[in-house]
PDB file of N, CA and C in Angstrom:
ATOM      1  N   MET A   1      17.487 -44.511 -19.431  1.00  0.00           N
ATOM      2  CA  MET A   1      16.602 -45.653 -19.483  1.00  0.00           C
ATOM      3  C   MET A   1      17.063 -46.587 -20.602  1.00  0.00           C
ATOM      4  N   GLU A   2      17.090 -47.871 -20.293  1.00  0.00           N
ATOM      5  CA  GLU A   2      17.544 -48.871 -21.243  1.00  0.00           C
ATOM      6  C   GLU A   2      16.446 -49.206 -22.242  1.00  0.00           C
ATOM      7  N   LYS A   3      16.861 -49.426 -23.493  1.00  0.00           N
ATOM      8  CA  LYS A   3      15.909 -49.769 -24.545  1.00  0.00           C
ATOM      9  C   LYS A   3      15.445 -51.219 -24.364  1.00  0.00           C
ATOM     10  N   LYS A   4      14.154 -51.444 -24.508  1.00  0.00           N
ATOM     11  CA  LYS A   4      13.592 -52.782 -24.354  1.00  0.00           C
ATOM     12  C   LYS A   4      13.940 -53.642 -25.559  1.00  0.00           C
ATOM     13  N   ILE A   5      14.378 -54.877 -25.292  1.00  0.00           N
ATOM     14  CA  ILE A   5      14.722 -55.819 -26.360  1.00  0.00           C
ATOM     15  C   ILE A   5      13.502 -56.685 -26.642  1.00  0.00           C
ATOM     16  N   PRO A   6      12.992 -56.662 -27.900  1.00  0.00           N
ATOM     17  CA  PRO A   6      11.815 -57.485 -28.210  1.00  0.00           C
ATOM     18  C   PRO A   6      12.162 -58.975 -28.190  1.00  0.00           C
ATOM     19  N   MET A   7      11.362 -59.755 -27.488  1.00  0.00           N
ATOM     20  CA  MET A   7      11.559 -61.198 -27.381  1.00  0.00           C
ATOM     21  C   MET A   7      10.427 -61.911 -28.117  1.00  0.00           C
ATOM     22  N   ARG A   8      10.756 -63.013 -28.759  1.00  0.00           N
ATOM     23  CA  ARG A   8       9.773 -63.845 -29.448  1.00  0.00           C
ATOM     24  C   ARG A   8      10.049 -65.302 -29.118  1.00  0.00           C
ATOM     25  N   GLN A   9       9.021 -66.151 -29.272  1.00  0.00           N
ATOM     26  CA  GLN A   9       9.154 -67.568 -28.975  1.00  0.00           C
ATOM     27  C   GLN A   9       9.219 -68.373 -30.264  1.00  0.00           C
ATOM     28  N   CYS A  10      10.198 -69.267 -30.334  1.00  0.00           N
ATOM     29  CA  CYS A  10      10.332 -70.160 -31.486  1.00  0.00           C
ATOM     30  C   CYS A  10       9.175 -71.161 -31.454  1.00  0.00           C
ATOM     31  N   VAL A  11       8.495 -71.355 -32.586  1.00  0.00           N
ATOM     32  CA  VAL A  11       7.371 -72.296 -32.633  1.00  0.00           C
ATOM     33  C   VAL A  11       7.847 -73.742 -32.709  1.00  0.00           C
ATOM     34  N   GLY A  12       9.152 -73.958 -32.897  1.00  0.00           N
ATOM     35  CA  GLY A  12       9.706 -75.306 -32.935  1.00  0.00           C
ATOM     36  C   GLY A  12      10.127 -75.792 -31.561  1.00  0.00           C
ATOM     37  N   CYS A  13      11.115 -75.110 -30.973  1.00  0.00           N
ATOM     38  CA  CYS A  13      11.666 -75.546 -29.685  1.00  0.00           C
ATOM     39  C   CYS A  13      11.024 -74.834 -28.497  1.00  0.00           C
ATOM     40  N   ARG A  14      10.185 -73.830 -28.740  1.00  0.00           N
ATOM     41  CA  ARG A  14       9.423 -73.104 -27.728  1.00  0.00           C
ATOM     42  C   ARG A  14      10.293 -72.304 -26.756  1.00  0.00           C
ATOM     43  N   THR A  15      11.506 -71.899 -27.153  1.00  0.00           N
ATOM     44  CA  THR A  15      12.345 -71.071 -26.301  1.00  0.00           C
ATOM     45  C   THR A  15      12.192 -69.608 -26.709  1.00  0.00           C
ATOM     46  N   SER A  16      12.246 -68.716 -25.739  1.00  0.00           N
ATOM     47  CA  SER A  16      12.160 -67.284 -26.015  1.00  0.00           C
ATOM     48  C   SER A  16      13.555 -66.743 -26.278  1.00  0.00           C
ATOM     49  N   ARG A  17      13.670 -65.966 -27.330  1.00  0.00           N
ATOM     50  CA  ARG A  17      14.949 -65.382 -27.721  1.00  0.00           C
ATOM     51  C   ARG A  17      14.733 -63.971 -28.218  1.00  0.00           C
ATOM     52  N   ASP A  18      15.845 -63.282 -28.392  1.00  0.00           N
ATOM     53  CA  ASP A  18      15.832 -61.949 -28.980  1.00  0.00           C
ATOM     54  C   ASP A  18      15.265 -62.068 -30.398  1.00  0.00           C
ATOM     55  N   LYS A  19      14.381 -61.168 -30.751  1.00  0.00           N
ATOM     56  CA  LYS A  19      13.719 -61.196 -32.068  1.00  0.00           C
ATOM     57  C   LYS A  19      14.726 -61.234 -33.212  1.00  0.00           C
ATOM     58  N   ARG A  20      15.866 -60.553 -33.044  1.00  0.00           N
ATOM     59  CA  ARG A  20      16.876 -60.500 -34.110  1.00  0.00           C
ATOM     60  C   ARG A  20      17.593 -61.832 -34.315  1.00  0.00           C
ATOM     61  N   ASP A  21      17.511 -62.738 -33.335  1.00  0.00           N
ATOM     62  CA  ASP A  21      18.167 -64.039 -33.441  1.00  0.00           C
ATOM     63  C   ASP A  21      17.270 -65.085 -34.100  1.00  0.00           C
ATOM     64  N   LEU A  22      16.051 -64.705 -34.438  1.00  0.00           N
ATOM     65  CA  LEU A  22      15.088 -65.640 -35.023  1.00  0.00           C
ATOM     66  C   LEU A  22      14.754 -65.244 -36.458  1.00  0.00           C
ATOM     67  N   ILE A  23      14.224 -66.200 -37.199  1.00  0.00           N
ATOM     68  CA  ILE A  23      13.767 -65.956 -38.569  1.00  0.00           C
ATOM     69  C   ILE A  23      12.247 -65.986 -38.559  1.00  0.00           C
ATOM     70  N   ARG A  24      11.645 -65.060 -39.256  1.00  0.00           N
ATOM     71  CA  ARG A  24      10.191 -64.969 -39.320  1.00  0.00           C
ATOM     72  C   ARG A  24       9.683 -65.744 -40.534  1.00  0.00           C
ATOM     73  N   VAL A  25       8.696 -66.567 -40.314  1.00  0.00           N
ATOM     74  CA  VAL A  25       8.001 -67.274 -41.392  1.00  0.00           C
ATOM     75  C   VAL A  25       6.678 -66.547 -41.565  1.00  0.00           C
ATOM     76  N   VAL A  26       6.366 -66.154 -42.804  1.00  0.00           N
ATOM     77  CA  VAL A  26       5.205 -65.304 -43.055  1.00  0.00           C
ATOM     78  C   VAL A  26       4.199 -65.989 -43.968  1.00  0.00           C
ATOM     79  N   ARG A  27       2.921 -65.868 -43.599  1.00  0.00           N
ATOM     80  CA  ARG A  27       1.828 -66.214 -44.516  1.00  0.00           C
ATOM     81  C   ARG A  27       1.397 -64.897 -45.130  1.00  0.00           C
ATOM     82  N   THR A  28       1.673 -64.728 -46.409  1.00  0.00           N
ATOM     83  CA  THR A  28       1.370 -63.478 -47.093  1.00  0.00           C
ATOM     84  C   THR A  28      -0.145 -63.341 -47.285  1.00  0.00           C
ATOM     85  N   PRO A  29      -0.623 -62.139 -47.576  1.00  0.00           N
ATOM     86  CA  PRO A  29      -2.063 -61.959 -47.838  1.00  0.00           C
ATOM     87  C   PRO A  29      -2.568 -62.826 -48.998  1.00  0.00           C
ATOM     88  N   GLU A  30      -1.664 -63.211 -49.907  1.00  0.00           N
ATOM     89  CA  GLU A  30      -2.050 -64.081 -51.027  1.00  0.00           C
ATOM     90  C   GLU A  30      -2.120 -65.551 -50.618  1.00  0.00           C
ATOM     91  N   GLY A  31      -1.629 -65.894 -49.404  1.00  0.00           N
ATOM     92  CA  GLY A  31      -1.683 -67.276 -48.929  1.00  0.00           C
ATOM     93  C   GLY A  31      -0.398 -68.046 -49.113  1.00  0.00           C
ATOM     94  N   ASP A  32       0.653 -67.412 -49.624  1.00  0.00           N
ATOM     95  CA  ASP A  32       1.941 -68.066 -49.812  1.00  0.00           C
ATOM     96  C   ASP A  32       2.721 -68.035 -48.497  1.00  0.00           C
ATOM     97  N   ILE A  33       3.594 -69.012 -48.278  1.00  0.00           N
ATOM     98  CA  ILE A  33       4.415 -69.057 -47.076  1.00  0.00           C
ATOM     99  C   ILE A  33       5.864 -68.813 -47.479  1.00  0.00           C
ATOM    100  N   GLN A  34       6.504 -67.826 -46.823  1.00  0.00           N
ATOM    101  CA  GLN A  34       7.875 -67.446 -47.165  1.00  0.00           C
ATOM    102  C   GLN A  34       8.681 -67.179 -45.910  1.00  0.00           C
ATOM    103  N   LEU A  35      10.011 -67.253 -46.044  1.00  0.00           N
ATOM    104  CA  LEU A  35      10.906 -66.843 -44.963  1.00  0.00           C
ATOM    105  C   LEU A  35      11.150 -65.350 -45.090  1.00  0.00           C
ATOM    106  N   ASP A  36      11.107 -64.657 -43.979  1.00  0.00           N
ATOM    107  CA  ASP A  36      11.318 -63.209 -43.942  1.00  0.00           C
ATOM    108  C   ASP A  36      12.538 -62.935 -43.070  1.00  0.00           C
ATOM    109  N   PHE A  37      13.696 -62.755 -43.708  1.00  0.00           N
ATOM    110  CA  PHE A  37      14.938 -62.574 -42.963  1.00  0.00           C
ATOM    111  C   PHE A  37      15.053 -61.177 -42.352  1.00  0.00           C
ATOM    112  N   LYS A  38      14.354 -60.199 -42.901  1.00  0.00           N
ATOM    113  CA  LYS A  38      14.423 -58.834 -42.383  1.00  0.00           C
ATOM    114  C   LYS A  38      13.314 -58.532 -41.379  1.00  0.00           C
ATOM    115  N   GLY A  39      12.263 -59.346 -41.359  1.00  0.00           N
ATOM    116  CA  GLY A  39      11.181 -59.156 -40.400  1.00  0.00           C
ATOM    117  C   GLY A  39      10.231 -58.028 -40.738  1.00  0.00           C
ATOM    118  N   LYS A  40      10.120 -57.671 -42.013  1.00  0.00           N
ATOM    119  CA  LYS A  40       9.292 -56.520 -42.385  1.00  0.00           C
ATOM    120  C   LYS A  40       8.183 -56.837 -43.387  1.00  0.00           C
ATOM    121  N   MET A  41       8.062 -58.085 -43.808  1.00  0.00           N
ATOM    122  CA  MET A  41       7.044 -58.434 -44.807  1.00  0.00           C
ATOM    123  C   MET A  41       5.641 -58.332 -44.209  1.00  0.00           C
ATOM    124  N   ASN A  42       4.689 -58.016 -45.080  1.00  0.00           N
ATOM    125  CA  ASN A  42       3.282 -57.996 -44.669  1.00  0.00           C
ATOM    126  C   ASN A  42       2.780 -59.418 -44.512  1.00  0.00           C
ATOM    127  N   GLY A  43       1.923 -59.624 -43.549  1.00  0.00           N
ATOM    128  CA  GLY A  43       1.299 -60.927 -43.367  1.00  0.00           C
ATOM    129  C   GLY A  43       1.447 -61.430 -41.947  1.00  0.00           C
ATOM    130  N   ARG A  44       0.826 -62.554 -41.699  1.00  0.00           N
ATOM    131  CA  ARG A  44       0.871 -63.179 -40.371  1.00  0.00           C
ATOM    132  C   ARG A  44       2.193 -63.902 -40.209  1.00  0.00           C
ATOM    133  N   GLY A  45       2.849 -63.722 -39.080  1.00  0.00           N
ATOM    134  CA  GLY A  45       4.176 -64.284 -38.899  1.00  0.00           C
ATOM    135  C   GLY A  45       4.302 -65.239 -37.733  1.00  0.00           C
ATOM    136  N   ALA A  46       5.308 -66.093 -37.841  1.00  0.00           N
ATOM    137  CA  ALA A  46       5.714 -67.000 -36.774  1.00  0.00           C
ATOM    138  C   ALA A  46       7.239 -66.979 -36.757  1.00  0.00           C
ATOM    139  N   TYR A  47       7.825 -67.237 -35.616  1.00  0.00           N
ATOM    140  CA  TYR A  47       9.273 -67.139 -35.492  1.00  0.00           C
ATOM    141  C   TYR A  47       9.902 -68.501 -35.262  1.00  0.00           C
ATOM    142  N   LEU A  48      11.078 -68.696 -35.880  1.00  0.00           N
ATOM    143  CA  LEU A  48      11.839 -69.936 -35.759  1.00  0.00           C
ATOM    144  C   LEU A  48      13.306 -69.623 -35.507  1.00  0.00           C
ATOM    145  N   CYS A  49      13.975 -70.520 -34.776  1.00  0.00           N
ATOM    146  CA  CYS A  49      15.424 -70.425 -34.630  1.00  0.00           C
ATOM    147  C   CYS A  49      16.052 -70.655 -36.004  1.00  0.00           C
ATOM    148  N   LYS A  50      17.307 -70.284 -36.151  1.00  0.00           N
ATOM    149  CA  LYS A  50      17.997 -70.450 -37.431  1.00  0.00           C
ATOM    150  C   LYS A  50      18.472 -71.878 -37.647  1.00  0.00           C
ATOM    151  N   ASP A  51      17.963 -72.809 -36.893  1.00  0.00           N
ATOM    152  CA  ASP A  51      18.320 -74.219 -36.968  1.00  0.00           C
ATOM    153  C   ASP A  51      17.252 -74.973 -37.770  1.00  0.00           C
ATOM    154  N   PRO A  52      17.637 -75.690 -38.835  1.00  0.00           N
ATOM    155  CA  PRO A  52      16.636 -76.457 -39.603  1.00  0.00           C
ATOM    156  C   PRO A  52      15.879 -77.477 -38.751  1.00  0.00           C
ATOM    157  N   GLU A  53      16.483 -77.927 -37.653  1.00  0.00           N
ATOM    158  CA  GLU A  53      15.831 -78.881 -36.764  1.00  0.00           C
ATOM    159  C   GLU A  53      14.579 -78.262 -36.116  1.00  0.00           C
ATOM    160  N   CYS A  54      14.626 -76.972 -35.818  1.00  0.00           N
ATOM    161  CA  CYS A  54      13.450 -76.296 -35.247  1.00  0.00           C
ATOM    162  C   CYS A  54      12.309 -76.243 -36.260  1.00  0.00           C
ATOM    163  N   LEU A  55      12.640 -76.101 -37.528  1.00  0.00           N
ATOM    164  CA  LEU A  55      11.615 -76.107 -38.573  1.00  0.00           C
ATOM    165  C   LEU A  55      10.956 -77.481 -38.643  1.00  0.00           C
ATOM    166  N   THR A  56      11.753 -78.542 -38.499  1.00  0.00           N
ATOM    167  CA  THR A  56      11.217 -79.900 -38.487  1.00  0.00           C
ATOM    168  C   THR A  56      10.289 -80.098 -37.285  1.00  0.00           C
ATOM    169  N   LYS A  57      10.729 -79.625 -36.109  1.00  0.00           N
ATOM    170  CA  LYS A  57       9.900 -79.745 -34.908  1.00  0.00           C
ATOM    171  C   LYS A  57       8.596 -78.969 -35.056  1.00  0.00           C
ATOM    172  N   ALA A  58       8.681 -77.771 -35.642  1.00  0.00           N
ATOM    173  CA  ALA A  58       7.483 -76.941 -35.827  1.00  0.00           C
ATOM    174  C   ALA A  58       6.483 -77.618 -36.759  1.00  0.00           C
ATOM    175  N   GLY A  59       6.988 -78.384 -37.732  1.00  0.00           N
ATOM    176  CA  GLY A  59       6.097 -79.129 -38.617  1.00  0.00           C
ATOM    177  C   GLY A  59       5.446 -80.306 -37.914  1.00  0.00           C
ATOM    178  N   LYS A  60       6.220 -81.004 -37.075  1.00  0.00           N
ATOM    179  CA  LYS A  60       5.700 -82.184 -36.382  1.00  0.00           C
ATOM    180  C   LYS A  60       4.707 -81.823 -35.282  1.00  0.00           C
ATOM    181  N   ASN A  61       5.004 -80.773 -34.503  1.00  0.00           N
ATOM    182  CA  ASN A  61       4.110 -80.434 -33.386  1.00  0.00           C
ATOM    183  C   ASN A  61       2.995 -79.474 -33.795  1.00  0.00           C
ATOM    184  N   LYS A  62       2.889 -79.198 -35.089  1.00  0.00           N
ATOM    185  CA  LYS A  62       1.843 -78.333 -35.658  1.00  0.00           C
ATOM    186  C   LYS A  62       1.929 -76.895 -35.155  1.00  0.00           C
ATOM    187  N   GLY A  63       3.076 -76.499 -34.606  1.00  0.00           N
ATOM    188  CA  GLY A  63       3.258 -75.139 -34.107  1.00  0.00           C
ATOM    189  C   GLY A  63       3.189 -74.110 -35.220  1.00  0.00           C
ATOM    190  N   LEU A  64       3.757 -74.448 -36.367  1.00  0.00           N
ATOM    191  CA  LEU A  64       3.735 -73.537 -37.506  1.00  0.00           C
ATOM    192  C   LEU A  64       2.316 -73.360 -38.030  1.00  0.00           C
ATOM    193  N   GLU A  65       1.563 -74.443 -38.084  1.00  0.00           N
ATOM    194  CA  GLU A  65       0.171 -74.370 -38.553  1.00  0.00           C
ATOM    195  C   GLU A  65      -0.685 -73.526 -37.616  1.00  0.00           C
ATOM    196  N   ARG A  66      -0.500 -73.692 -36.300  1.00  0.00           N
ATOM    197  CA  ARG A  66      -1.270 -72.896 -35.334  1.00  0.00           C
ATOM    198  C   ARG A  66      -0.918 -71.424 -35.442  1.00  0.00           C
ATOM    199  N   ALA A  67       0.373 -71.135 -35.559  1.00  0.00           N
ATOM    200  CA  ALA A  67       0.808 -69.735 -35.597  1.00  0.00           C
ATOM    201  C   ALA A  67       0.350 -69.025 -36.873  1.00  0.00           C
ATOM    202  N   LEU A  68       0.350 -69.739 -37.993  1.00  0.00           N
ATOM    203  CA  LEU A  68      -0.018 -69.126 -39.267  1.00  0.00           C
ATOM    204  C   LEU A  68      -1.493 -69.296 -39.608  1.00  0.00           C
ATOM    205  N   SER A  69      -2.220 -70.058 -38.811  1.00  0.00           N
ATOM    206  CA  SER A  69      -3.647 -70.339 -39.052  1.00  0.00           C
ATOM    207  C   SER A  69      -3.864 -70.888 -40.459  1.00  0.00           C
ATOM    208  N   LEU A  70      -3.018 -71.855 -40.828  1.00  0.00           N
ATOM    209  CA  LEU A  70      -3.040 -72.416 -42.174  1.00  0.00           C
ATOM    210  C   LEU A  70      -2.417 -73.803 -42.142  1.00  0.00           C
ATOM    211  N   SER A  71      -2.959 -74.731 -42.895  1.00  0.00           N
ATOM    212  CA  SER A  71      -2.358 -76.050 -43.023  1.00  0.00           C
ATOM    213  C   SER A  71      -1.098 -75.950 -43.872  1.00  0.00           C
ATOM    214  N   VAL A  72       0.023 -76.456 -43.345  1.00  0.00           N
ATOM    215  CA  VAL A  72       1.309 -76.341 -44.038  1.00  0.00           C
ATOM    216  C   VAL A  72       1.714 -77.712 -44.556  1.00  0.00           C
ATOM    217  N   PRO A  73       1.706 -77.916 -45.888  1.00  0.00           N
ATOM    218  CA  PRO A  73       2.109 -79.203 -46.448  1.00  0.00           C
ATOM    219  C   PRO A  73       3.603 -79.468 -46.250  1.00  0.00           C
ATOM    220  N   GLU A  74       3.972 -80.737 -46.260  1.00  0.00           N
ATOM    221  CA  GLU A  74       5.369 -81.154 -46.065  1.00  0.00           C
ATOM    222  C   GLU A  74       6.291 -80.576 -47.137  1.00  0.00           C
ATOM    223  N   GLU A  75       5.781 -80.395 -48.369  1.00  0.00           N
ATOM    224  CA  GLU A  75       6.607 -79.844 -49.454  1.00  0.00           C
ATOM    225  C   GLU A  75       7.060 -78.420 -49.120  1.00  0.00           C
ATOM    226  N   ILE A  76       6.188 -77.645 -48.498  1.00  0.00           N
ATOM    227  CA  ILE A  76       6.538 -76.268 -48.148  1.00  0.00           C
ATOM    228  C   ILE A  76       7.587 -76.261 -47.042  1.00  0.00           C
ATOM    229  N   ILE A  77       7.466 -77.164 -46.076  1.00  0.00           N
ATOM    230  CA  ILE A  77       8.466 -77.256 -45.018  1.00  0.00           C
ATOM    231  C   ILE A  77       9.818 -77.629 -45.602  1.00  0.00           C
ATOM    232  N   ASP A  78       9.835 -78.563 -46.563  1.00  0.00           N
ATOM    233  CA  ASP A  78      11.091 -78.942 -47.228  1.00  0.00           C
ATOM    234  C   ASP A  78      11.693 -77.763 -47.988  1.00  0.00           C
ATOM    235  N   ARG A  79      10.852 -76.975 -48.661  1.00  0.00           N
ATOM    236  CA  ARG A  79      11.342 -75.803 -49.402  1.00  0.00           C
ATOM    237  C   ARG A  79      11.923 -74.772 -48.439  1.00  0.00           C
ATOM    238  N   LEU A  80      11.260 -74.578 -47.300  1.00  0.00           N
ATOM    239  CA  LEU A  80      11.757 -73.633 -46.309  1.00  0.00           C
ATOM    240  C   LEU A  80      13.094 -74.097 -45.726  1.00  0.00           C
ATOM    241  N   LYS A  81      13.256 -75.415 -45.553  1.00  0.00           N
ATOM    242  CA  LYS A  81      14.530 -75.954 -45.059  1.00  0.00           C
ATOM    243  C   LYS A  81      15.657 -75.637 -46.031  1.00  0.00           C
ATOM    244  N   GLU A  82      15.379 -75.790 -47.331  1.00  0.00           N
ATOM    245  CA  GLU A  82      16.398 -75.484 -48.341  1.00  0.00           C
ATOM    246  C   GLU A  82      16.763 -73.997 -48.317  1.00  0.00           C
ATOM    247  N   GLU A  83      15.760 -73.127 -48.211  1.00  0.00           N
ATOM    248  CA  GLU A  83      16.026 -71.681 -48.140  1.00  0.00           C
ATOM    249  C   GLU A  83      16.839 -71.343 -46.896  1.00  0.00           C
ATOM    250  N   LEU A  84      16.561 -72.038 -45.805  1.00  0.00           N
ATOM    251  CA  LEU A  84      17.272 -71.809 -44.556  1.00  0.00           C
ATOM    252  C   LEU A  84      18.739 -72.222 -44.673  1.00  0.00           C
ATOM    253  N   LYS A  85      18.989 -73.334 -45.353  1.00  0.00           N
ATOM    254  CA  LYS A  85      20.374 -73.795 -45.561  1.00  0.00           C
ATOM    255  C   LYS A  85      21.156 -72.835 -46.448  1.00  0.00           C
ATOM    256  N   ILE A  86      20.509 -72.304 -47.467  1.00  0.00           N
ATOM    257  CA  ILE A  86      21.159 -71.370 -48.392  1.00  0.00           C
ATOM    258  C   ILE A  86      21.523 -70.073 -47.658  1.00  0.00           C
ATOM    259  N   ALA A  87      20.670 -69.650 -46.743  1.00  0.00           N
ATOM    260  CA  ALA A  87      20.887 -68.376 -46.041  1.00  0.00           C
ATOM    261  C   ALA A  87      22.004 -68.445 -45.002  1.00  0.00           C
ATOM    262  N   GLU A  88      22.374 -69.646 -44.577  1.00  0.00           N
ATOM    263  CA  GLU A  88      23.408 -69.769 -43.530  1.00  0.00           C
ATOM    264  C   GLU A  88      24.749 -69.380 -43.999  1.00  0.00           C
TER     265      GLU A  88
END
């Protein structure tokens, strides 16, 4: 029997991909928003493609806010973009 591959949907471009190909954005129990490259942090998560453009789309279409149940200021999106560029 073949092992099932977990699929997740990017909140920016809305395409379904393998979970390992996406980056998880987490709202921690303390209310902070962070990138989770390993996918193991505690908190509510949303998934994004590794493209900074998807992060921009997720901010504009409010997909990130809906997924995290939290208002996300533009400064946090800019900080996440910088972290995403560093990780590439």
